[in-house]
Amino acid sequence: MLMAHPAVLQDLIAQYEALTLLGAEESTPQARQRLADISYTLCVATGTRDVDMALIAARHRLSGARPEDDSLLRVGAAAEPVAGV
């Protein structure tokens, strides 16, 4: 399964939380559609079918992650120290 980069997950979570906080579910059709799109994308990015589970999975993957994390580049590679990290 493809794994979303931590920066992408962090952005999706932030957008979801902002839309939820602003009450997008009860707002304009555009706001509801944006919330539905973000929810769907979170589910796809985490391999889940429920937005609550997607949020849990995304937050779990963010544990200790940094936006500049190069983990996608190093998947399957030998764990060698990166200079300057």
PDB file of N, CA and C in Angstrom:
ATOM      1  N   MET A   1       0.842  -1.177   0.000  1.00  0.00           N
ATOM      2  CA  MET A   1       0.000   0.000   0.000  1.00  0.00           C
ATOM      3  C   MET A   1       0.887   1.241   0.000  1.00  0.00           C
ATOM      4  N   LEU A   2       0.512   2.220  -0.788  1.00  0.00           N
ATOM      5  CA  LEU A   2       1.226   3.488  -0.803  1.00  0.00           C
ATOM      6  C   LEU A   2       0.960   4.227   0.495  1.00  0.00           C
ATOM      7  N   MET A   3       1.976   4.910   0.985  1.00  0.00           N
ATOM      8  CA  MET A   3       1.845   5.661   2.225  1.00  0.00           C
ATOM      9  C   MET A   3       1.938   7.148   1.909  1.00  0.00           C
ATOM     10  N   ALA A   4       0.991   7.915   2.414  1.00  0.00           N
ATOM     11  CA  ALA A   4       1.029   9.366   2.224  1.00  0.00           C
ATOM     12  C   ALA A   4       2.166   9.955   3.048  1.00  0.00           C
ATOM     13  N   HIS A   5       2.777  10.973   2.517  1.00  0.00           N
ATOM     14  CA  HIS A   5       3.862  11.650   3.225  1.00  0.00           C
ATOM     15  C   HIS A   5       3.290  12.337   4.467  1.00  0.00           C
ATOM     16  N   PRO A   6       4.033  12.363   5.564  1.00  0.00           N
ATOM     17  CA  PRO A   6       3.541  12.999   6.790  1.00  0.00           C
ATOM     18  C   PRO A   6       3.064  14.437   6.597  1.00  0.00           C
ATOM     19  N   ALA A   7       3.721  15.201   5.734  1.00  0.00           N
ATOM     20  CA  ALA A   7       3.296  16.584   5.494  1.00  0.00           C
ATOM     21  C   ALA A   7       1.906  16.626   4.869  1.00  0.00           C
ATOM     22  N   VAL A   8       1.621  15.673   3.997  1.00  0.00           N
ATOM     23  CA  VAL A   8       0.299  15.601   3.364  1.00  0.00           C
ATOM     24  C   VAL A   8      -0.755  15.246   4.409  1.00  0.00           C
ATOM     25  N   LEU A   9      -0.458  14.257   5.232  1.00  0.00           N
ATOM     26  CA  LEU A   9      -1.399  13.868   6.279  1.00  0.00           C
ATOM     27  C   LEU A   9      -1.658  15.018   7.242  1.00  0.00           C
ATOM     28  N   GLN A  10      -0.613  15.710   7.624  1.00  0.00           N
ATOM     29  CA  GLN A  10      -0.756  16.829   8.547  1.00  0.00           C
ATOM     30  C   GLN A  10      -1.643  17.915   7.945  1.00  0.00           C
ATOM     31  N   ASP A  11      -1.469  18.195   6.669  1.00  0.00           N
ATOM     32  CA  ASP A  11      -2.288  19.196   5.990  1.00  0.00           C
ATOM     33  C   ASP A  11      -3.745  18.756   5.910  1.00  0.00           C
ATOM     34  N   LEU A  12      -3.982  17.502   5.586  1.00  0.00           N
ATOM     35  CA  LEU A  12      -5.352  16.990   5.507  1.00  0.00           C
ATOM     36  C   LEU A  12      -6.051  17.060   6.862  1.00  0.00           C
ATOM     37  N   ILE A  13      -5.340  16.695   7.917  1.00  0.00           N
ATOM     38  CA  ILE A  13      -5.915  16.763   9.267  1.00  0.00           C
ATOM     39  C   ILE A  13      -6.263  18.206   9.616  1.00  0.00           C
ATOM     40  N   ALA A  14      -5.353  19.122   9.327  1.00  0.00           N
ATOM     41  CA  ALA A  14      -5.594  20.537   9.631  1.00  0.00           C
ATOM     42  C   ALA A  14      -6.809  21.069   8.880  1.00  0.00           C
ATOM     43  N   GLN A  15      -6.922  20.716   7.600  1.00  0.00           N
ATOM     44  CA  GLN A  15      -8.075  21.161   6.813  1.00  0.00           C
ATOM     45  C   GLN A  15      -9.375  20.567   7.357  1.00  0.00           C
ATOM     46  N   TYR A  16      -9.345  19.279   7.677  1.00  0.00           N
ATOM     47  CA  TYR A  16     -10.533  18.619   8.208  1.00  0.00           C
ATOM     48  C   TYR A  16     -10.969  19.276   9.518  1.00  0.00           C
ATOM     49  N   GLU A  17     -10.011  19.498  10.415  1.00  0.00           N
ATOM     50  CA  GLU A  17     -10.338  20.096  11.710  1.00  0.00           C
ATOM     51  C   GLU A  17     -10.870  21.519  11.549  1.00  0.00           C
ATOM     52  N   ALA A  18     -10.295  22.294  10.641  1.00  0.00           N
ATOM     53  CA  ALA A  18     -10.759  23.661  10.409  1.00  0.00           C
ATOM     54  C   ALA A  18     -12.182  23.668   9.866  1.00  0.00           C
ATOM     55  N   LEU A  19     -12.455  22.817   8.889  1.00  0.00           N
ATOM     56  CA  LEU A  19     -13.799  22.753   8.320  1.00  0.00           C
ATOM     57  C   LEU A  19     -14.827  22.289   9.343  1.00  0.00           C
ATOM     58  N   THR A  20     -14.440  21.327  10.158  1.00  0.00           N
ATOM     59  CA  THR A  20     -15.344  20.821  11.190  1.00  0.00           C
ATOM     60  C   THR A  20     -15.611  21.906  12.231  1.00  0.00           C
ATOM     61  N   LEU A  21     -14.563  22.597  12.643  1.00  0.00           N
ATOM     62  CA  LEU A  21     -14.684  23.656  13.639  1.00  0.00           C
ATOM     63  C   LEU A  21     -15.583  24.787  13.142  1.00  0.00           C
ATOM     64  N   LEU A  22     -15.499  25.082  11.854  1.00  0.00           N
ATOM     65  CA  LEU A  22     -16.317  26.138  11.274  1.00  0.00           C
ATOM     66  C   LEU A  22     -17.739  25.685  10.965  1.00  0.00           C
ATOM     67  N   GLY A  23     -18.037  24.428  11.206  1.00  0.00           N
ATOM     68  CA  GLY A  23     -19.388  23.914  10.992  1.00  0.00           C
ATOM     69  C   GLY A  23     -19.738  23.684   9.540  1.00  0.00           C
ATOM     70  N   ALA A  24     -18.805  23.170   8.780  1.00  0.00           N
ATOM     71  CA  ALA A  24     -19.019  22.960   7.350  1.00  0.00           C
ATOM     72  C   ALA A  24     -20.182  22.017   7.061  1.00  0.00           C
ATOM     73  N   GLU A  25     -20.462  21.083   8.001  1.00  0.00           N
ATOM     74  CA  GLU A  25     -21.556  20.132   7.763  1.00  0.00           C
ATOM     75  C   GLU A  25     -22.895  20.846   7.606  1.00  0.00           C
ATOM     76  N   GLU A  26     -23.022  21.993   8.240  1.00  0.00           N
ATOM     77  CA  GLU A  26     -24.293  22.732   8.227  1.00  0.00           C
ATOM     78  C   GLU A  26     -24.160  24.054   7.486  1.00  0.00           C
ATOM     79  N   SER A  27     -23.168  24.190   6.647  1.00  0.00           N
ATOM     80  CA  SER A  27     -22.884  25.439   5.960  1.00  0.00           C
ATOM     81  C   SER A  27     -23.322  25.367   4.504  1.00  0.00           C
ATOM     82  N   THR A  28     -22.575  26.048   3.659  1.00  0.00           N
ATOM     83  CA  THR A  28     -22.902  26.110   2.233  1.00  0.00           C
ATOM     84  C   THR A  28     -22.630  24.765   1.556  1.00  0.00           C
ATOM     85  N   PRO A  29     -23.231  24.549   0.410  1.00  0.00           N
ATOM     86  CA  PRO A  29     -22.946  23.314  -0.335  1.00  0.00           C
ATOM     87  C   PRO A  29     -21.460  23.167  -0.671  1.00  0.00           C
ATOM     88  N   GLN A  30     -20.785  24.274  -0.942  1.00  0.00           N
ATOM     89  CA  GLN A  30     -19.360  24.223  -1.263  1.00  0.00           C
ATOM     90  C   GLN A  30     -18.549  23.768  -0.055  1.00  0.00           C
ATOM     91  N   ALA A  31     -18.891  24.261   1.133  1.00  0.00           N
ATOM     92  CA  ALA A  31     -18.171  23.867   2.351  1.00  0.00           C
ATOM     93  C   ALA A  31     -18.419  22.392   2.664  1.00  0.00           C
ATOM     94  N   ARG A  32     -19.667  21.944   2.491  1.00  0.00           N
ATOM     95  CA  ARG A  32     -19.978  20.523   2.721  1.00  0.00           C
ATOM     96  C   ARG A  32     -19.223  19.635   1.744  1.00  0.00           C
ATOM     97  N   GLN A  33     -19.146  20.071   0.484  1.00  0.00           N
ATOM     98  CA  GLN A  33     -18.425  19.287  -0.520  1.00  0.00           C
ATOM     99  C   GLN A  33     -16.937  19.243  -0.207  1.00  0.00           C
ATOM    100  N   ARG A  34     -16.370  20.354   0.238  1.00  0.00           N
ATOM    101  CA  ARG A  34     -14.947  20.387   0.588  1.00  0.00           C
ATOM    102  C   ARG A  34     -14.670  19.447   1.755  1.00  0.00           C
ATOM    103  N   LEU A  35     -15.557  19.440   2.753  1.00  0.00           N
ATOM    104  CA  LEU A  35     -15.394  18.528   3.891  1.00  0.00           C
ATOM    105  C   LEU A  35     -15.496  17.079   3.432  1.00  0.00           C
ATOM    106  N   ALA A  36     -16.436  16.798   2.535  1.00  0.00           N
ATOM    107  CA  ALA A  36     -16.573  15.438   2.001  1.00  0.00           C
ATOM    108  C   ALA A  36     -15.323  15.035   1.221  1.00  0.00           C
ATOM    109  N   ASP A  37     -14.771  15.969   0.438  1.00  0.00           N
ATOM    110  CA  ASP A  37     -13.555  15.686  -0.334  1.00  0.00           C
ATOM    111  C   ASP A  37     -12.362  15.409   0.579  1.00  0.00           C
ATOM    112  N   ILE A  38     -12.206  16.225   1.615  1.00  0.00           N
ATOM    113  CA  ILE A  38     -11.096  16.036   2.557  1.00  0.00           C
ATOM    114  C   ILE A  38     -11.271  14.706   3.291  1.00  0.00           C
ATOM    115  N   SER A  39     -12.492  14.399   3.696  1.00  0.00           N
ATOM    116  CA  SER A  39     -12.755  13.135   4.391  1.00  0.00           C
ATOM    117  C   SER A  39     -12.399  11.950   3.503  1.00  0.00           C
ATOM    118  N   TYR A  40     -12.824  12.003   2.249  1.00  0.00           N
ATOM    119  CA  TYR A  40     -12.525  10.933   1.304  1.00  0.00           C
ATOM    120  C   TYR A  40     -11.015  10.782   1.107  1.00  0.00           C
ATOM    121  N   THR A  41     -10.332  11.915   0.935  1.00  0.00           N
ATOM    122  CA  THR A  41      -8.888  11.878   0.718  1.00  0.00           C
ATOM    123  C   THR A  41      -8.159  11.309   1.928  1.00  0.00           C
ATOM    124  N   LEU A  42      -8.600  11.669   3.125  1.00  0.00           N
ATOM    125  CA  LEU A  42      -8.020  11.097   4.341  1.00  0.00           C
ATOM    126  C   LEU A  42      -8.194   9.582   4.362  1.00  0.00           C
ATOM    127  N   CYS A  43      -9.376   9.121   3.993  1.00  0.00           N
ATOM    128  CA  CYS A  43      -9.630   7.678   3.974  1.00  0.00           C
ATOM    129  C   CYS A  43      -8.734   6.974   2.963  1.00  0.00           C
ATOM    130  N   VAL A  44      -8.605   7.537   1.780  1.00  0.00           N
ATOM    131  CA  VAL A  44      -7.750   6.937   0.751  1.00  0.00           C
ATOM    132  C   VAL A  44      -6.294   6.943   1.204  1.00  0.00           C
ATOM    133  N   ALA A  45      -5.857   8.058   1.774  1.00  0.00           N
ATOM    134  CA  ALA A  45      -4.455   8.201   2.186  1.00  0.00           C
ATOM    135  C   ALA A  45      -4.073   7.264   3.323  1.00  0.00           C
ATOM    136  N   THR A  46      -5.066   6.833   4.101  1.00  0.00           N
ATOM    137  CA  THR A  46      -4.777   5.973   5.250  1.00  0.00           C
ATOM    138  C   THR A  46      -5.264   4.542   5.057  1.00  0.00           C
ATOM    139  N   GLY A  47      -5.935   4.262   3.950  1.00  0.00           N
ATOM    140  CA  GLY A  47      -6.426   2.911   3.690  1.00  0.00           C
ATOM    141  C   GLY A  47      -7.594   2.520   4.576  1.00  0.00           C
ATOM    142  N   THR A  48      -8.392   3.500   4.973  1.00  0.00           N
ATOM    143  CA  THR A  48      -9.559   3.234   5.825  1.00  0.00           C
ATOM    144  C   THR A  48     -10.832   3.599   5.071  1.00  0.00           C
ATOM    145  N   ARG A  49     -11.970   3.267   5.665  1.00  0.00           N
ATOM    146  CA  ARG A  49     -13.258   3.581   5.040  1.00  0.00           C
ATOM    147  C   ARG A  49     -14.103   4.518   5.882  1.00  0.00           C
ATOM    148  N   ASP A  50     -13.598   4.913   7.017  1.00  0.00           N
ATOM    149  CA  ASP A  50     -14.341   5.767   7.947  1.00  0.00           C
ATOM    150  C   ASP A  50     -13.449   6.943   8.321  1.00  0.00           C
ATOM    151  N   VAL A  51     -13.982   8.154   8.295  1.00  0.00           N
ATOM    152  CA  VAL A  51     -13.161   9.327   8.554  1.00  0.00           C
ATOM    153  C   VAL A  51     -12.592   9.329   9.975  1.00  0.00           C
ATOM    154  N   ASP A  52     -13.332   8.822  10.945  1.00  0.00           N
ATOM    155  CA  ASP A  52     -12.804   8.759  12.310  1.00  0.00           C
ATOM    156  C   ASP A  52     -11.597   7.831  12.387  1.00  0.00           C
ATOM    157  N   MET A  53     -11.683   6.690  11.731  1.00  0.00           N
ATOM    158  CA  MET A  53     -10.547   5.770  11.690  1.00  0.00           C
ATOM    159  C   MET A  53      -9.393   6.371  10.883  1.00  0.00           C
ATOM    160  N   ALA A  54      -9.723   7.120   9.832  1.00  0.00           N
ATOM    161  CA  ALA A  54      -8.692   7.764   9.023  1.00  0.00           C
ATOM    162  C   ALA A  54      -7.916   8.787   9.853  1.00  0.00           C
ATOM    163  N   LEU A  55      -8.630   9.545  10.672  1.00  0.00           N
ATOM    164  CA  LEU A  55      -7.959  10.526  11.530  1.00  0.00           C
ATOM    165  C   LEU A  55      -7.047   9.842  12.540  1.00  0.00           C
ATOM    166  N   ILE A  56      -7.512   8.757  13.113  1.00  0.00           N
ATOM    167  CA  ILE A  56      -6.690   8.008  14.072  1.00  0.00           C
ATOM    168  C   ILE A  56      -5.437   7.476  13.383  1.00  0.00           C
ATOM    169  N   ALA A  57      -5.624   6.867  12.211  1.00  0.00           N
ATOM    170  CA  ALA A  57      -4.492   6.303  11.473  1.00  0.00           C
ATOM    171  C   ALA A  57      -3.503   7.393  11.061  1.00  0.00           C
ATOM    172  N   ALA A  58      -4.016   8.520  10.596  1.00  0.00           N
ATOM    173  CA  ALA A  58      -3.142   9.611  10.164  1.00  0.00           C
ATOM    174  C   ALA A  58      -2.347  10.163  11.343  1.00  0.00           C
ATOM    175  N   ARG A  59      -3.013  10.369  12.453  1.00  0.00           N
ATOM    176  CA  ARG A  59      -2.305  10.887  13.639  1.00  0.00           C
ATOM    177  C   ARG A  59      -1.275   9.885  14.140  1.00  0.00           C
ATOM    178  N   HIS A  60      -1.597   8.618  14.035  1.00  0.00           N
ATOM    179  CA  HIS A  60      -0.641   7.587  14.453  1.00  0.00           C
ATOM    180  C   HIS A  60       0.619   7.632  13.587  1.00  0.00           C
ATOM    181  N   ARG A  61       0.421   7.825  12.299  1.00  0.00           N
ATOM    182  CA  ARG A  61       1.568   7.894  11.381  1.00  0.00           C
ATOM    183  C   ARG A  61       2.380   9.159  11.584  1.00  0.00           C
ATOM    184  N   LEU A  62       1.776  10.194  12.157  1.00  0.00           N
ATOM    185  CA  LEU A  62       2.484  11.450  12.383  1.00  0.00           C
ATOM    186  C   LEU A  62       3.303  11.437  13.658  1.00  0.00           C
ATOM    187  N   SER A  63       3.129  10.462  14.477  1.00  0.00           N
ATOM    188  CA  SER A  63       3.829  10.413  15.748  1.00  0.00           C
ATOM    189  C   SER A  63       5.329  10.572  15.544  1.00  0.00           C
ATOM    190  N   GLY A  64       5.852  11.717  15.911  1.00  0.00           N
ATOM    191  CA  GLY A  64       7.278  11.977  15.796  1.00  0.00           C
ATOM    192  C   GLY A  64       7.752  12.308  14.391  1.00  0.00           C
ATOM    193  N   ALA A  65       6.849  12.400  13.433  1.00  0.00           N
ATOM    194  CA  ALA A  65       7.245  12.683  12.057  1.00  0.00           C
ATOM    195  C   ALA A  65       7.512  14.178  11.876  1.00  0.00           C
ATOM    196  N   ARG A  66       8.354  14.470  10.906  1.00  0.00           N
ATOM    197  CA  ARG A  66       8.647  15.854  10.557  1.00  0.00           C
ATOM    198  C   ARG A  66       8.239  16.071   9.107  1.00  0.00           C
ATOM    199  N   PRO A  67       7.769  17.283   8.749  1.00  0.00           N
ATOM    200  CA  PRO A  67       7.387  17.536   7.358  1.00  0.00           C
ATOM    201  C   PRO A  67       8.520  17.267   6.366  1.00  0.00           C
ATOM    202  N   GLU A  68       9.767  17.459   6.789  1.00  0.00           N
ATOM    203  CA  GLU A  68      10.871  17.235   5.880  1.00  0.00           C
ATOM    204  C   GLU A  68      11.376  15.790   5.911  1.00  0.00           C
ATOM    205  N   ASP A  69      10.637  14.928   6.563  1.00  0.00           N
ATOM    206  CA  ASP A  69      10.993  13.516   6.672  1.00  0.00           C
ATOM    207  C   ASP A  69      11.159  12.909   5.276  1.00  0.00           C
ATOM    208  N   ASP A  70      12.247  12.203   5.059  1.00  0.00           N
ATOM    209  CA  ASP A  70      12.501  11.599   3.751  1.00  0.00           C
ATOM    210  C   ASP A  70      12.191  10.108   3.751  1.00  0.00           C
ATOM    211  N   SER A  71      11.271   9.679   4.604  1.00  0.00           N
ATOM    212  CA  SER A  71      10.999   8.255   4.754  1.00  0.00           C
ATOM    213  C   SER A  71      10.540   7.600   3.458  1.00  0.00           C
ATOM    214  N   LEU A  72       9.848   8.335   2.599  1.00  0.00           N
ATOM    215  CA  LEU A  72       9.403   7.752   1.339  1.00  0.00           C
ATOM    216  C   LEU A  72      10.580   7.421   0.433  1.00  0.00           C
ATOM    217  N   LEU A  73      11.635   8.192   0.555  1.00  0.00           N
ATOM    218  CA  LEU A  73      12.802   7.949  -0.279  1.00  0.00           C
ATOM    219  C   LEU A  73      13.628   6.784   0.227  1.00  0.00           C
ATOM    220  N   ARG A  74      13.452   6.427   1.502  1.00  0.00           N
ATOM    221  CA  ARG A  74      14.311   5.431   2.117  1.00  0.00           C
ATOM    222  C   ARG A  74      13.596   4.103   2.360  1.00  0.00           C
ATOM    223  N   VAL A  75      12.378   3.953   1.907  1.00  0.00           N
ATOM    224  CA  VAL A  75      11.660   2.702   2.116  1.00  0.00           C
ATOM    225  C   VAL A  75      12.413   1.568   1.450  1.00  0.00           C
ATOM    226  N   GLY A  76      12.708   0.548   2.215  1.00  0.00           N
ATOM    227  CA  GLY A  76      13.406  -0.605   1.680  1.00  0.00           C
ATOM    228  C   GLY A  76      14.912  -0.429   1.614  1.00  0.00           C
ATOM    229  N   ALA A  77      15.390   0.772   1.829  1.00  0.00           N
ATOM    230  CA  ALA A  77      16.841   1.014   1.812  1.00  0.00           C
ATOM    231  C   ALA A  77      17.404   0.701   3.190  1.00  0.00           C
ATOM    232  N   ALA A  78      18.684   0.403   3.214  1.00  0.00           N
ATOM    233  CA  ALA A  78      19.345   0.155   4.503  1.00  0.00           C
ATOM    234  C   ALA A  78      19.293   1.440   5.308  1.00  0.00           C
ATOM    235  N   ALA A  79      19.044   1.322   6.586  1.00  0.00           N
ATOM    236  CA  ALA A  79      18.952   2.483   7.458  1.00  0.00           C
ATOM    237  C   ALA A  79      20.339   3.056   7.693  1.00  0.00           C
ATOM    238  N   GLU A  80      20.689   4.041   6.897  1.00  0.00           N
ATOM    239  CA  GLU A  80      21.974   4.710   7.038  1.00  0.00           C
ATOM    240  C   GLU A  80      21.712   6.103   7.581  1.00  0.00           C
ATOM    241  N   PRO A  81      22.579   6.589   8.455  1.00  0.00           N
ATOM    242  CA  PRO A  81      22.397   7.950   8.966  1.00  0.00           C
ATOM    243  C   PRO A  81      22.485   8.959   7.840  1.00  0.00           C
ATOM    244  N   VAL A  82      21.644   9.966   7.917  1.00  0.00           N
ATOM    245  CA  VAL A  82      21.646  11.029   6.933  1.00  0.00           C
ATOM    246  C   VAL A  82      22.445  12.195   7.505  1.00  0.00           C
ATOM    247  N   ALA A  83      23.348  12.725   6.734  1.00  0.00           N
ATOM    248  CA  ALA A  83      24.192  13.829   7.208  1.00  0.00           C
ATOM    249  C   ALA A  83      23.330  15.018   7.595  1.00  0.00           C
ATOM    250  N   GLY A  84      23.613  15.595   8.756  1.00  0.00           N
ATOM    251  CA  GLY A  84      22.893  16.783   9.214  1.00  0.00           C
ATOM    252  C   GLY A  84      21.605  16.493   9.924  1.00  0.00           C
ATOM    253  N   VAL A  85      21.269  15.237  10.113  1.00  0.00           N
ATOM    254  CA  VAL A  85      20.006  14.909  10.805  1.00  0.00           C
ATOM    255  C   VAL A  85      20.302  14.358  12.167  1.00  0.00           C
TER     256      VAL A  85
END
